[in-house]
C-alpha atoms as a PDB file:
ATOM      1  CA  MET A   1     128.047 105.646 135.114  1.00  0.00           C
ATOM      2  CA  PRO A   2     124.426 104.718 134.289  1.00  0.00           C
ATOM      3  CA  THR A   3     123.827 102.825 131.061  1.00  0.00           C
ATOM      4  CA  GLN A   4     120.980 102.527 128.574  1.00  0.00           C
ATOM      5  CA  ARG A   5     119.808 100.478 125.610  1.00  0.00           C
ATOM      6  CA  ALA A   6     120.252 102.106 122.207  1.00  0.00           C
ATOM      7  CA  PHE A   7     119.968 101.129 118.545  1.00  0.00           C
ATOM      8  CA  ARG A   8     123.464 101.827 117.213  1.00  0.00           C
ATOM      9  CA  ILE A   9     124.508 102.042 113.578  1.00  0.00           C
ATOM     10  CA  HIS A  10     128.100 101.305 112.511  1.00  0.00           C
ATOM     11  CA  ASN A  11     129.956 101.620 109.224  1.00  0.00           C
ATOM     12  CA  ASP A  12     133.621 100.732 109.455  1.00  0.00           C
ATOM     13  CA  ASP A  13     136.082  98.083 108.268  1.00  0.00           C
ATOM     14  CA  GLY A  14     133.498  95.506 109.276  1.00  0.00           C
ATOM     15  CA  GLY A  15     130.910  97.038 106.959  1.00  0.00           C
ATOM     16  CA  HIS A  16     127.469  98.400 107.752  1.00  0.00           C
ATOM     17  CA  ARG A  17     125.764  96.870 110.767  1.00  0.00           C
ATOM     18  CA  ALA A  18     123.144  97.939 113.275  1.00  0.00           C
ATOM     19  CA  GLY A  19     121.536  96.596 116.415  1.00  0.00           C
ATOM     20  CA  VAL A  20     120.689  97.139 120.065  1.00  0.00           C
ATOM     21  CA  GLU A  21     123.652  97.817 122.350  1.00  0.00           C
ATOM     22  CA  THR A  22     124.272  99.024 125.892  1.00  0.00           C
ATOM     23  CA  ILE A  23     125.920 102.435 126.068  1.00  0.00           C
ATOM     24  CA  ASP A  24     126.511 105.115 128.692  1.00  0.00           C
ATOM     25  CA  VAL A  25     123.854 107.703 129.467  1.00  0.00           C
ATOM     26  CA  PRO A  26     125.384 111.095 128.564  1.00  0.00           C
ATOM     27  CA  GLU A  27     125.548 114.033 130.932  1.00  0.00           C
ATOM     28  CA  PRO A  28     124.184 117.286 129.478  1.00  0.00           C
ATOM     29  CA  ALA A  29     126.826 119.912 128.728  1.00  0.00           C
ATOM     30  CA  PRO A  30     125.989 123.621 129.062  1.00  0.00           C
ATOM     31  CA  GLY A  31     123.011 124.392 126.838  1.00  0.00           C
ATOM     32  CA  GLU A  32     121.987 120.740 126.556  1.00  0.00           C
ATOM     33  CA  VAL A  33     119.030 118.781 127.889  1.00  0.00           C
ATOM     34  CA  LEU A  34     118.778 115.100 128.821  1.00  0.00           C
ATOM     35  CA  LEU A  35     115.352 113.556 128.335  1.00  0.00           C
ATOM     36  CA  ARG A  36     113.858 110.181 128.984  1.00  0.00           C
ATOM     37  CA  VAL A  37     112.590 108.962 125.632  1.00  0.00           C
ATOM     38  CA  ASP A  38     109.008 107.747 125.869  1.00  0.00           C
ATOM     39  CA  TYR A  39     108.526 107.251 122.120  1.00  0.00           C
ATOM     40  CA  ALA A  40     110.389 107.623 118.853  1.00  0.00           C
ATOM     41  CA  SER A  41     109.117 106.705 115.393  1.00  0.00           C
ATOM     42  CA  VAL A  42     110.186 105.202 112.083  1.00  0.00           C
ATOM     43  CA  ASN A  43     110.487 107.477 109.066  1.00  0.00           C
ATOM     44  CA  TYR A  44     111.721 106.767 105.539  1.00  0.00           C
ATOM     45  CA  LYS A  45     115.030 108.480 106.311  1.00  0.00           C
ATOM     46  CA  ASP A  46     115.449 106.217 109.353  1.00  0.00           C
ATOM     47  CA  ALA A  47     115.010 103.179 107.129  1.00  0.00           C
ATOM     48  CA  LEU A  48     117.595 104.460 104.646  1.00  0.00           C
ATOM     49  CA  GLY A  49     120.127 105.160 107.374  1.00  0.00           C
ATOM     50  CA  GLY A  50     119.442 102.034 109.395  1.00  0.00           C
ATOM     51  CA  THR A  51     119.924  99.706 106.430  1.00  0.00           C
ATOM     52  CA  GLY A  52     122.768 101.619 104.819  1.00  0.00           C
ATOM     53  CA  LYS A  53     120.757 101.894 101.589  1.00  0.00           C
ATOM     54  CA  GLY A  54     120.904 105.687 101.742  1.00  0.00           C
ATOM     55  CA  LYS A  55     123.920 107.841 102.550  1.00  0.00           C
ATOM     56  CA  VAL A  56     122.110 109.925 105.149  1.00  0.00           C
ATOM     57  CA  ILE A  57     124.412 109.426 108.165  1.00  0.00           C
ATOM     58  CA  LYS A  58     127.577 111.499 108.416  1.00  0.00           C
ATOM     59  CA  ARG A  59     129.136 110.140 111.616  1.00  0.00           C
ATOM     60  CA  PHE A  60     129.587 106.574 112.863  1.00  0.00           C
ATOM     61  CA  PRO A  61     128.848 104.927 115.197  1.00  0.00           C
ATOM     62  CA  LEU A  62     125.606 106.724 115.865  1.00  0.00           C
ATOM     63  CA  THR A  63     122.257 106.123 117.550  1.00  0.00           C
ATOM     64  CA  GLY A  64     119.460 106.182 114.953  1.00  0.00           C
ATOM     65  CA  GLY A  65     116.080 107.911 115.091  1.00  0.00           C
ATOM     66  CA  ILE A  66     115.383 111.339 113.603  1.00  0.00           C
ATOM     67  CA  ASP A  67     112.709 112.206 116.168  1.00  0.00           C
ATOM     68  CA  ALA A  68     111.698 111.523 119.758  1.00  0.00           C
ATOM     69  CA  ALA A  69     109.373 112.727 122.495  1.00  0.00           C
ATOM     70  CA  GLY A  70     109.871 112.412 126.213  1.00  0.00           C
ATOM     71  CA  ILE A  71     110.278 114.011 129.621  1.00  0.00           C
ATOM     72  CA  VAL A  72     113.225 116.189 130.654  1.00  0.00           C
ATOM     73  CA  GLU A  73     115.345 114.528 133.340  1.00  0.00           C
ATOM     74  CA  ARG A  74     118.229 117.015 133.624  1.00  0.00           C
ATOM     75  CA  SER A  75     118.655 120.395 131.987  1.00  0.00           C
ATOM     76  CA  ALA A  76     121.594 122.731 131.453  1.00  0.00           C
ATOM     77  CA  HIS A  77     119.435 125.064 129.348  1.00  0.00           C
ATOM     78  CA  THR A  78     117.541 127.971 130.863  1.00  0.00           C
ATOM     79  CA  ASP A  79     114.304 127.295 128.934  1.00  0.00           C
ATOM     80  CA  PHE A  80     113.789 123.736 130.194  1.00  0.00           C
ATOM     81  CA  ALA A  81     113.391 122.079 133.586  1.00  0.00           C
ATOM     82  CA  ALA A  82     113.011 118.535 134.848  1.00  0.00           C
ATOM     83  CA  GLY A  83     109.513 117.261 134.165  1.00  0.00           C
ATOM     84  CA  ASP A  84     108.911 119.232 130.957  1.00  0.00           C
ATOM     85  CA  ALA A  85     107.338 117.207 128.137  1.00  0.00           C
ATOM     86  CA  VAL A  86     109.238 117.925 124.908  1.00  0.00           C
ATOM     87  CA  VAL A  87     109.561 116.843 121.307  1.00  0.00           C
ATOM     88  CA  ALA A  88     112.702 116.771 119.167  1.00  0.00           C
ATOM     89  CA  THR A  89     112.692 116.521 115.373  1.00  0.00           C
ATOM     90  CA  GLY A  90     115.184 117.302 112.642  1.00  0.00           C
ATOM     91  CA  HIS A  91     118.364 119.281 113.289  1.00  0.00           C
ATOM     92  CA  GLY A  92     121.274 116.817 113.407  1.00  0.00           C
ATOM     93  CA  MET A  93     119.524 113.819 114.947  1.00  0.00           C
ATOM     94  CA  ALA A  94     120.545 110.534 113.294  1.00  0.00           C
ATOM     95  CA  PHE A  95     122.641 112.583 110.851  1.00  0.00           C
ATOM     96  CA  ASP A  96     125.698 113.731 112.793  1.00  0.00           C
ATOM     97  CA  HIS A  97     124.250 113.515 116.331  1.00  0.00           C
ATOM     98  CA  ASP A  98     122.778 110.588 118.273  1.00  0.00           C
ATOM     99  CA  GLY A  99     119.038 110.230 117.736  1.00  0.00           C
ATOM    100  CA  GLY A 100     115.951 108.983 119.495  1.00  0.00           C
ATOM    101  CA  TYR A 101     116.332 105.184 119.334  1.00  0.00           C
ATOM    102  CA  ALA A 102     117.519 104.978 122.926  1.00  0.00           C
ATOM    103  CA  GLU A 103     116.174 105.134 126.446  1.00  0.00           C
ATOM    104  CA  SER A 104     117.690 108.615 126.875  1.00  0.00           C
ATOM    105  CA  LEU A 105     118.489 111.455 124.490  1.00  0.00           C
ATOM    106  CA  CYS A 106     120.833 114.371 125.104  1.00  0.00           C
ATOM    107  CA  VAL A 107     120.517 117.289 122.664  1.00  0.00           C
ATOM    108  CA  PRO A 108     120.963 121.050 122.615  1.00  0.00           C
ATOM    109  CA  GLY A 109     117.939 122.653 124.228  1.00  0.00           C
ATOM    110  CA  ASP A 110     117.549 124.870 121.178  1.00  0.00           C
ATOM    111  CA  TRP A 111     116.467 121.757 119.268  1.00  0.00           C
ATOM    112  CA  LEU A 112     113.514 121.074 121.567  1.00  0.00           C
ATOM    113  CA  VAL A 113     109.925 122.264 121.592  1.00  0.00           C
ATOM    114  CA  LYS A 114     107.793 122.059 124.725  1.00  0.00           C
ATOM    115  CA  LEU A 115     104.672 120.067 123.954  1.00  0.00           C
ATOM    116  CA  PRO A 116     101.664 122.370 123.670  1.00  0.00           C
ATOM    117  CA  ALA A 117      98.498 121.660 125.626  1.00  0.00           C
ATOM    118  CA  GLY A 118      96.573 118.873 123.963  1.00  0.00           C
ATOM    119  CA  LEU A 119      99.601 116.749 123.034  1.00  0.00           C
ATOM    120  CA  ASP A 120     101.308 114.133 125.182  1.00  0.00           C
ATOM    121  CA  THR A 121     104.501 112.319 124.228  1.00  0.00           C
ATOM    122  CA  ARG A 122     102.670 109.452 122.538  1.00  0.00           C
ATOM    123  CA  GLY A 123     100.480 111.842 120.562  1.00  0.00           C
ATOM    124  CA  ALA A 124     103.542 113.835 119.549  1.00  0.00           C
ATOM    125  CA  MET A 125     105.169 110.745 118.042  1.00  0.00           C
ATOM    126  CA  LEU A 126     101.955 109.624 116.350  1.00  0.00           C
ATOM    127  CA  LEU A 127     102.709 112.810 114.410  1.00  0.00           C
ATOM    128  CA  GLY A 128     106.490 113.067 114.696  1.00  0.00           C
ATOM    129  CA  THR A 129     108.639 114.220 111.800  1.00  0.00           C
ATOM    130  CA  ALA A 130     105.942 113.055 109.385  1.00  0.00           C
ATOM    131  CA  GLY A 131     103.268 115.202 111.011  1.00  0.00           C
ATOM    132  CA  PHE A 132     105.620 118.139 111.346  1.00  0.00           C
ATOM    133  CA  THR A 133     106.522 117.842 107.643  1.00  0.00           C
ATOM    134  CA  ALA A 134     102.858 117.611 106.654  1.00  0.00           C
ATOM    135  CA  ALA A 135     102.171 120.738 108.714  1.00  0.00           C
ATOM    136  CA  LEU A 136     105.086 122.511 107.024  1.00  0.00           C
ATOM    137  CA  ALA A 137     103.666 121.567 103.614  1.00  0.00           C
ATOM    138  CA  VAL A 138     100.231 122.923 104.529  1.00  0.00           C
ATOM    139  CA  HIS A 139     101.819 126.093 105.933  1.00  0.00           C
ATOM    140  CA  ARG A 140     103.746 126.707 102.711  1.00  0.00           C
ATOM    141  CA  LEU A 141     100.670 126.059 100.563  1.00  0.00           C
ATOM    142  CA  LEU A 142      98.541 128.470 102.552  1.00  0.00           C
ATOM    143  CA  GLN A 143     101.305 131.073 102.521  1.00  0.00           C
ATOM    144  CA  ASN A 144     101.242 130.893  98.714  1.00  0.00           C
ATOM    145  CA  ASP A 145      97.461 131.423  98.599  1.00  0.00           C
ATOM    146  CA  GLN A 146      96.304 127.837  98.108  1.00  0.00           C
ATOM    147  CA  ARG A 147      92.505 127.814  98.444  1.00  0.00           C
ATOM    148  CA  PRO A 148      89.802 125.127  98.293  1.00  0.00           C
ATOM    149  CA  ASP A 149      88.097 126.911  95.383  1.00  0.00           C
ATOM    150  CA  LEU A 150      91.106 126.249  93.125  1.00  0.00           C
ATOM    151  CA  GLY A 151      90.086 122.595  92.973  1.00  0.00           C
ATOM    152  CA  PRO A 152      90.922 119.232  94.556  1.00  0.00           C
ATOM    153  CA  MET A 153      94.219 118.685  96.318  1.00  0.00           C
ATOM    154  CA  LEU A 154      96.199 115.644  95.255  1.00  0.00           C
ATOM    155  CA  VAL A 155      98.201 113.819  97.941  1.00  0.00           C
ATOM    156  CA  THR A 156     100.639 111.220  96.620  1.00  0.00           C
ATOM    157  CA  GLY A 157     102.116 108.504  98.802  1.00  0.00           C
ATOM    158  CA  ALA A 158      98.991 108.937 100.887  1.00  0.00           C
ATOM    159  CA  SER A 159      99.384 105.703 102.845  1.00  0.00           C
ATOM    160  CA  GLY A 160     102.681 106.876 104.373  1.00  0.00           C
ATOM    161  CA  GLY A 161     102.973 109.019 107.470  1.00  0.00           C
ATOM    162  CA  VAL A 162     103.322 112.409 105.757  1.00  0.00           C
ATOM    163  CA  GLY A 163     100.640 111.642 103.185  1.00  0.00           C
ATOM    164  CA  ALA A 164      98.126 110.350 105.714  1.00  0.00           C
ATOM    165  CA  ILE A 165      98.533 113.355 108.012  1.00  0.00           C
ATOM    166  CA  ALA A 166      98.484 115.818 105.100  1.00  0.00           C
ATOM    167  CA  THR A 167      95.234 114.191 103.945  1.00  0.00           C
ATOM    168  CA  ALA A 168      93.672 114.647 107.384  1.00  0.00           C
ATOM    169  CA  ILE A 169      94.824 118.264 107.805  1.00  0.00           C
ATOM    170  CA  LEU A 170      93.762 119.396 104.324  1.00  0.00           C
ATOM    171  CA  ALA A 171      90.352 117.752 104.690  1.00  0.00           C
ATOM    172  CA  LYS A 172      89.908 119.477 108.042  1.00  0.00           C
ATOM    173  CA  LEU A 173      90.685 122.823 106.369  1.00  0.00           C
ATOM    174  CA  GLY A 174      87.932 122.305 103.806  1.00  0.00           C
ATOM    175  CA  PHE A 175      89.905 120.996 100.833  1.00  0.00           C
ATOM    176  CA  GLU A 176      88.656 118.157  98.652  1.00  0.00           C
ATOM    177  CA  VAL A 177      91.487 115.628  98.964  1.00  0.00           C
ATOM    178  CA  VAL A 178      92.269 113.033  96.311  1.00  0.00           C
ATOM    179  CA  ALA A 179      94.652 110.454  97.746  1.00  0.00           C
ATOM    180  CA  VAL A 180      97.028 108.423  95.593  1.00  0.00           C
ATOM    181  CA  SER A 181      97.795 104.956  96.938  1.00  0.00           C
ATOM    182  CA  GLY A 182      98.629 101.618  95.416  1.00  0.00           C
ATOM    183  CA  LYS A 183      97.313  99.750  98.465  1.00  0.00           C
ATOM    184  CA  ALA A 184      93.679  98.875  97.845  1.00  0.00           C
ATOM    185  CA  GLU A 185      93.343  97.423 101.351  1.00  0.00           C
ATOM    186  CA  LEU A 186      93.910 100.920 102.798  1.00  0.00           C
ATOM    187  CA  HIS A 187      91.223 102.753 100.847  1.00  0.00           C
ATOM    188  CA  ASP A 188      88.734 102.676 103.719  1.00  0.00           C
ATOM    189  CA  TRP A 189      91.431 103.927 106.094  1.00  0.00           C
ATOM    190  CA  LEU A 190      92.256 106.865 103.804  1.00  0.00           C
ATOM    191  CA  THR A 191      88.566 107.697 103.398  1.00  0.00           C
ATOM    192  CA  ASP A 192      88.210 107.693 107.165  1.00  0.00           C
ATOM    193  CA  LEU A 193      91.107 110.169 107.384  1.00  0.00           C
ATOM    194  CA  GLY A 194      89.330 112.537 105.010  1.00  0.00           C
ATOM    195  CA  ALA A 195      90.093 111.530 101.421  1.00  0.00           C
ATOM    196  CA  ALA A 196      87.157 112.272  99.120  1.00  0.00           C
ATOM    197  CA  ARG A 197      88.535 110.033  96.365  1.00  0.00           C
ATOM    198  CA  ILE A 198      91.362 107.539  95.998  1.00  0.00           C
ATOM    199  CA  LEU A 199      93.368 106.868  92.847  1.00  0.00           C
ATOM    200  CA  GLY A 200      95.796 104.086  92.045  1.00  0.00           C
ATOM    201  CA  ARG A 201      99.370 105.063  91.228  1.00  0.00           C
ATOM    202  CA  ASP A 202      98.799 104.552  87.510  1.00  0.00           C
ATOM    203  CA  ALA A 203      95.482 106.402  87.342  1.00  0.00           C
ATOM    204  CA  LEU A 204      96.691 110.007  87.293  1.00  0.00           C
ATOM    205  CA  PRO A 205      95.273 111.947  84.350  1.00  0.00           C
ATOM    206  CA  GLY A 206      97.431 113.634  81.726  1.00  0.00           C
ATOM    207  CA  GLY A 207      99.986 112.572  79.143  1.00  0.00           C
ATOM    208  CA  GLU A 208     103.480 113.689  78.258  1.00  0.00           C
ATOM    209  CA  ARG A 209     102.810 117.104  76.716  1.00  0.00           C
ATOM    210  CA  PRO A 210     104.424 120.092  78.476  1.00  0.00           C
ATOM    211  CA  LEU A 211     100.953 121.193  79.607  1.00  0.00           C
ATOM    212  CA  GLU A 212      97.913 118.974  80.071  1.00  0.00           C
ATOM    213  CA  LYS A 213      94.368 119.783  81.129  1.00  0.00           C
ATOM    214  CA  GLY A 214      94.311 121.179  84.661  1.00  0.00           C
ATOM    215  CA  ALA A 215      92.996 118.560  87.071  1.00  0.00           C
ATOM    216  CA  TRP A 216      94.311 119.623  90.484  1.00  0.00           C
ATOM    217  CA  GLY A 217      94.084 122.773  92.510  1.00  0.00           C
ATOM    218  CA  GLY A 218      97.403 121.760  94.025  1.00  0.00           C
ATOM    219  CA  ALA A 219      99.246 118.812  95.516  1.00  0.00           C
ATOM    220  CA  VAL A 220     101.340 117.444  98.333  1.00  0.00           C
ATOM    221  CA  ASP A 221     103.836 115.133  96.636  1.00  0.00           C
ATOM    222  CA  ASN A 222     105.731 112.520  98.637  1.00  0.00           C
ATOM    223  CA  VAL A 223     107.064 110.621  95.618  1.00  0.00           C
ATOM    224  CA  GLY A 224     109.038 112.868  93.265  1.00  0.00           C
ATOM    225  CA  GLY A 225     110.390 111.613  89.946  1.00  0.00           C
ATOM    226  CA  ASP A 226     107.962 110.949  87.093  1.00  0.00           C
ATOM    227  CA  MET A 227     104.895 111.374  89.297  1.00  0.00           C
ATOM    228  CA  LEU A 228     105.900 114.883  90.318  1.00  0.00           C
ATOM    229  CA  ALA A 229     106.651 115.739  86.686  1.00  0.00           C
ATOM    230  CA  ARG A 230     103.163 114.661  85.666  1.00  0.00           C
ATOM    231  CA  ILE A 231     101.591 116.686  88.466  1.00  0.00           C
ATOM    232  CA  THR A 232     103.375 119.865  87.326  1.00  0.00           C
ATOM    233  CA  ARG A 233     101.634 119.506  83.961  1.00  0.00           C
ATOM    234  CA  THR A 234      98.141 119.050  85.440  1.00  0.00           C
ATOM    235  CA  VAL A 235      97.866 121.723  88.157  1.00  0.00           C
ATOM    236  CA  VAL A 236      95.499 124.619  87.425  1.00  0.00           C
ATOM    237  CA  PRO A 237      96.756 128.223  87.133  1.00  0.00           C
ATOM    238  CA  TYR A 238      98.285 129.516  90.360  1.00  0.00           C
ATOM    239  CA  GLY A 239      97.937 126.207  92.149  1.00  0.00           C
ATOM    240  CA  ASN A 240     100.856 124.967  94.246  1.00  0.00           C
ATOM    241  CA  ILE A 241     102.747 121.738  94.753  1.00  0.00           C
ATOM    242  CA  ALA A 242     104.480 121.048  98.064  1.00  0.00           C
ATOM    243  CA  ALA A 243     107.365 118.692  97.222  1.00  0.00           C
ATOM    244  CA  ILE A 244     108.565 116.464 100.044  1.00  0.00           C
ATOM    245  CA  GLY A 245     109.799 113.004  99.021  1.00  0.00           C
ATOM    246  CA  ASN A 246     111.949 111.209  96.469  1.00  0.00           C
ATOM    247  CA  ALA A 247     110.847 107.575  96.670  1.00  0.00           C
ATOM    248  CA  GLY A 248     110.054 107.759  92.935  1.00  0.00           C
ATOM    249  CA  GLY A 249     113.460 109.133  91.976  1.00  0.00           C
ATOM    250  CA  LEU A 250     115.683 112.167  92.376  1.00  0.00           C
ATOM    251  CA  GLU A 251     115.412 113.532  88.850  1.00  0.00           C
ATOM    252  CA  LEU A 252     112.604 115.806  87.675  1.00  0.00           C
ATOM    253  CA  HIS A 253     111.958 115.941  83.925  1.00  0.00           C
ATOM    254  CA  THR A 254     109.574 118.772  83.156  1.00  0.00           C
ATOM    255  CA  THR A 255     109.554 122.133  81.385  1.00  0.00           C
ATOM    256  CA  VAL A 256     109.255 125.726  82.518  1.00  0.00           C
ATOM    257  CA  LEU A 257     105.801 126.046  80.937  1.00  0.00           C
ATOM    258  CA  PRO A 258     103.704 125.143  84.020  1.00  0.00           C
ATOM    259  CA  PHE A 259     105.562 127.831  85.953  1.00  0.00           C
ATOM    260  CA  ILE A 260     105.622 130.655  83.399  1.00  0.00           C
ATOM    261  CA  LEU A 261     102.285 130.031  81.638  1.00  0.00           C
ATOM    262  CA  ARG A 262     100.173 128.878  84.589  1.00  0.00           C
ATOM    263  CA  GLY A 263     102.045 130.415  87.514  1.00  0.00           C
ATOM    264  CA  VAL A 264     102.275 127.025  89.264  1.00  0.00           C
ATOM    265  CA  GLY A 265     104.262 127.175  92.490  1.00  0.00           C
ATOM    266  CA  LEU A 266     106.706 124.364  93.323  1.00  0.00           C
ATOM    267  CA  LEU A 267     107.367 124.641  97.059  1.00  0.00           C
ATOM    268  CA  GLY A 268     110.182 122.626  98.589  1.00  0.00           C
ATOM    269  CA  CYS A 269     109.696 121.366 102.156  1.00  0.00           C
ATOM    270  CA  ASP A 270     112.757 120.656 104.295  1.00  0.00           C
ATOM    271  CA  SER A 271     111.729 119.850 107.854  1.00  0.00           C
ATOM    272  CA  VAL A 272     115.304 119.852 109.231  1.00  0.00           C
ATOM    273  CA  HIS A 273     116.393 123.485 108.941  1.00  0.00           C
ATOM    274  CA  ILE A 274     113.377 125.288 110.407  1.00  0.00           C
ATOM    275  CA  ALA A 275     113.701 128.353 112.612  1.00  0.00           C
ATOM    276  CA  GLN A 276     112.503 127.730 116.151  1.00  0.00           C
ATOM    277  CA  PRO A 277     109.595 130.235 116.064  1.00  0.00           C
ATOM    278  CA  LEU A 278     108.056 128.495 113.047  1.00  0.00           C
ATOM    279  CA  ARG A 279     108.797 125.066 114.535  1.00  0.00           C
ATOM    280  CA  THR A 280     106.884 126.041 117.668  1.00  0.00           C
ATOM    281  CA  GLN A 281     104.049 127.540 115.618  1.00  0.00           C
ATOM    282  CA  LEU A 282     103.594 124.375 113.565  1.00  0.00           C
ATOM    283  CA  TRP A 283     103.448 122.176 116.680  1.00  0.00           C
ATOM    284  CA  GLN A 284     100.844 124.548 118.076  1.00  0.00           C
ATOM    285  CA  HIS A 285      98.773 124.117 114.908  1.00  0.00           C
ATOM    286  CA  LEU A 286      99.086 120.328 115.191  1.00  0.00           C
ATOM    287  CA  ALA A 287      97.770 120.484 118.753  1.00  0.00           C
ATOM    288  CA  THR A 288      94.837 122.799 117.976  1.00  0.00           C
ATOM    289  CA  ASP A 289      93.253 123.882 114.677  1.00  0.00           C
ATOM    290  CA  TRP A 290      95.097 121.303 112.550  1.00  0.00           C
ATOM    291  CA  ARG A 291      94.727 118.515 115.102  1.00  0.00           C
ATOM    292  CA  VAL A 292      94.041 115.095 113.625  1.00  0.00           C
ATOM    293  CA  ASP A 293      90.818 113.786 115.120  1.00  0.00           C
ATOM    294  CA  GLU A 294      91.290 110.417 116.831  1.00  0.00           C
ATOM    295  CA  PRO A 295      95.059 110.372 116.147  1.00  0.00           C
ATOM    296  CA  GLN A 296      95.259 106.689 117.095  1.00  0.00           C
ATOM    297  CA  ARG A 297      93.890 106.076 113.582  1.00  0.00           C
ATOM    298  CA  LEU A 298      97.319 107.071 112.264  1.00  0.00           C
ATOM    299  CA  LEU A 299      99.038 104.146 113.994  1.00  0.00           C
ATOM    300  CA  GLY A 300     100.366 101.451 111.707  1.00  0.00           C
ATOM    301  CA  ALA A 301     102.393  99.542 114.309  1.00  0.00           C
ATOM    302  CA  GLU A 302     104.115  99.883 117.676  1.00  0.00           C
ATOM    303  CA  ILE A 303     107.476  98.158 118.060  1.00  0.00           C
ATOM    304  CA  MET A 304     110.508  97.768 120.305  1.00  0.00           C
ATOM    305  CA  LEU A 305     114.098  98.566 119.340  1.00  0.00           C
ATOM    306  CA  GLU A 306     114.805  94.951 118.381  1.00  0.00           C
ATOM    307  CA  SER A 307     112.185  95.090 115.608  1.00  0.00           C
ATOM    308  CA  LEU A 308     113.735  98.071 113.837  1.00  0.00           C
ATOM    309  CA  PRO A 309     115.799  96.191 111.181  1.00  0.00           C
ATOM    310  CA  ALA A 310     112.827  94.168 109.922  1.00  0.00           C
ATOM    311  CA  THR A 311     110.615  97.254 110.008  1.00  0.00           C
ATOM    312  CA  PHE A 312     113.144  99.227 107.957  1.00  0.00           C
ATOM    313  CA  GLU A 313     113.121  96.553 105.267  1.00  0.00           C
ATOM    314  CA  ARG A 314     109.318  96.458 105.151  1.00  0.00           C
ATOM    315  CA  MET A 315     109.136 100.232 104.856  1.00  0.00           C
ATOM    316  CA  LEU A 316     111.620 100.391 101.973  1.00  0.00           C
ATOM    317  CA  ALA A 317     109.673  97.607 100.233  1.00  0.00           C
ATOM    318  CA  GLY A 318     106.414  99.563 100.583  1.00  0.00           C
ATOM    319  CA  GLY A 319     105.008  97.156 103.153  1.00  0.00           C
ATOM    320  CA  THR A 320     104.115  99.632 105.903  1.00  0.00           C
ATOM    321  CA  HIS A 321     101.482 102.310 106.344  1.00  0.00           C
ATOM    322  CA  GLY A 322     100.723 105.145 108.692  1.00  0.00           C
ATOM    323  CA  ARG A 323     102.934 105.886 111.664  1.00  0.00           C
ATOM    324  CA  ILE A 324     105.206 103.357 113.359  1.00  0.00           C
ATOM    325  CA  LEU A 325     105.880 104.100 117.018  1.00  0.00           C
ATOM    326  CA  VAL A 326     109.077 102.903 118.697  1.00  0.00           C
ATOM    327  CA  LYS A 327     109.044 102.315 122.449  1.00  0.00           C
ATOM    328  CA  PRO A 328     112.655 102.084 123.685  1.00  0.00           C
ATOM    329  CA  THR A 329     111.769 100.537 127.058  1.00  0.00           C
ATOM    330  CA  ALA A 330     109.140  97.885 127.674  1.00  0.00           C
ATOM    331  CA  HIS A 331     108.547  99.035 131.262  1.00  0.00           C
ATOM    332  CA  ARG A 332     107.096 102.462 130.423  1.00  0.00           C
END
């Protein structure tokens, strides 16, 4: 049976451990597709699962990587054929199903999206789960009547993958974007992506009253915790907040007043459980009208499987920016 290299994560009597191993290449069962993985990427959830610092994996051992893009090699699904370029994000990858940190990936075909014209496998992973989540946030904001004339859009955690791509998409759609980042060395990079202004993490206006002066037309929040609470108090009437991350904490201490006196919308964004028609639509947006100009600007680093543990630690310590591509095989 053919074998492949994969980044495997264990949690057993020997404790939590992870590293590159040689495993068998699976054969697709009915309804499944086997693809050659050209690129995967590193997301915050990958770092939590790969280090064991977050309880995000439900089955061990497991191959990490919550997204991947590649070329179909064998298909037992009627919608896909050998040679198709596809992207896989969300669903059960790196949760209770092997993920994209391997030379090959076998998943149900219903989890895949054919890459639209204008995106190759590298471009798809320069976006990846982060880009898909940013697109979902923009979609939800627009659905709830977010408009540029409501005022500037705040993007927190702007130096991360979701924040950077959200900044670029919103700027392209005509919004004035104010990016929040504690990394002064990345201010020029964020401006180049479309940020009109950049604030430090401690520079957000407003105090601790249930309602403060409205400063933002809306927001994309990647942080949660106290920062999200402050944003709820400073969004103008009928502005919206797309809530994505929890790096700043799981708890949200606010009041109902922003929601019942200003009509503020708090829109949760879960990129895992998305119906396939919307998943396809969002990838189409990312390839066309929401396309990030010069997407190579999003790249923070490109690594091999062996560099994943150190990269996870840097990400959790706030030492990374942009998108981190993972290339499972050096010969491609």
